[in-house]
Amino acid sequence: MSNHKVATGSPVAWHVSTYSSDGGRQCVEAGPFTDGTDRFAVRDSQHRSHGHLTFARPEWTALLAAISQA
């Protein structure tokens, strides 16, 4: 799985989980890139300045499938 850390300036439509009880301050944020590259990003909401991990659509789909089966 390619989970490359990339610059925080990349255009991503970030989403905070609706399961986050504290407004997302201690949550993982995820979202699709808005540049049409069909990639997704994940970051730590407490350390946004540390950057994010990038996943291609097949990797993102596999991750979500594995999580939903857990």
Protein backbone atom coordinates (compact mmCIF):
# COMPACT_ATOMS: atom_id res chain seq x y z
CA MET A 1 0.00 0.00 0.00
CA SER A 2 1.48 3.33 -0.98
CA ASN A 3 0.91 5.67 1.93
CA HIS A 4 3.17 8.54 0.97
CA LYS A 5 3.26 11.63 3.14
CA VAL A 6 2.71 14.70 1.00
CA ALA A 7 2.59 18.45 1.49
CA THR A 8 -0.30 19.88 3.48
CA GLY A 9 -1.05 22.46 0.77
CA SER A 10 -2.66 19.87 -1.53
CA PRO A 11 -6.33 20.52 -2.31
CA VAL A 12 -8.41 18.05 -0.29
CA ALA A 13 -12.10 18.18 0.67
CA TRP A 14 -11.57 17.18 4.31
CA HIS A 15 -14.29 15.41 6.30
CA VAL A 16 -14.44 14.64 10.02
CA SER A 17 -16.18 11.47 11.14
CA THR A 18 -19.73 11.91 12.40
CA TYR A 19 -18.70 9.50 15.18
CA SER A 20 -16.37 12.11 16.61
CA SER A 21 -17.92 13.24 19.88
CA ASP A 22 -15.69 16.27 20.39
CA GLY A 23 -16.18 18.09 17.10
CA GLY A 24 -13.25 16.37 15.44
CA ARG A 25 -10.46 17.62 17.69
CA GLN A 26 -9.28 14.06 18.39
CA CYS A 27 -10.16 12.38 15.16
CA VAL A 28 -8.77 11.29 11.84
CA GLU A 29 -9.83 13.43 8.90
CA ALA A 30 -10.17 12.06 5.40
CA GLY A 31 -11.31 13.27 2.01
CA PRO A 32 -10.87 13.18 -1.74
CA PHE A 33 -8.44 15.39 -3.59
CA THR A 34 -10.29 18.10 -5.52
CA ASP A 35 -7.79 18.15 -8.39
CA GLY A 36 -9.41 15.28 -10.33
CA THR A 37 -6.65 12.75 -9.58
CA ASP A 38 -9.00 10.19 -7.95
CA ARG A 39 -6.89 10.02 -4.78
CA PHE A 40 -7.83 10.26 -1.12
CA ALA A 41 -6.00 11.72 1.86
CA VAL A 42 -5.99 10.96 5.60
CA ARG A 43 -4.54 13.11 8.38
CA ASP A 44 -4.48 13.47 12.16
CA SER A 45 -6.79 16.31 13.18
CA GLN A 46 -4.52 17.20 16.11
CA HIS A 47 -1.40 17.44 13.96
CA ARG A 48 -2.58 18.79 10.62
CA SER A 49 0.74 20.49 10.00
CA HIS A 50 2.46 17.08 9.85
CA GLY A 51 0.93 16.44 6.44
CA HIS A 52 -1.23 13.56 5.30
CA LEU A 53 -1.15 10.12 3.73
CA THR A 54 -2.31 9.70 0.14
CA PHE A 55 -4.13 6.65 -1.23
CA ALA A 56 -5.15 5.75 -4.78
CA ARG A 57 -8.82 4.80 -5.20
CA PRO A 58 -8.20 1.00 -5.19
CA GLU A 59 -6.18 1.29 -1.97
CA TRP A 60 -8.80 3.53 -0.34
CA THR A 61 -11.60 1.15 -1.32
CA ALA A 62 -9.66 -1.83 0.11
CA LEU A 63 -9.00 0.05 3.36
CA LEU A 64 -12.67 0.94 3.83
CA ALA A 65 -13.71 -2.66 3.07
CA ALA A 66 -11.23 -4.01 5.63
CA ILE A 67 -12.42 -1.53 8.27
CA SER A 68 -16.07 -2.34 7.71
CA GLN A 69 -15.36 -6.06 8.19
CA ALA A 70 -13.50 -5.52 11.48
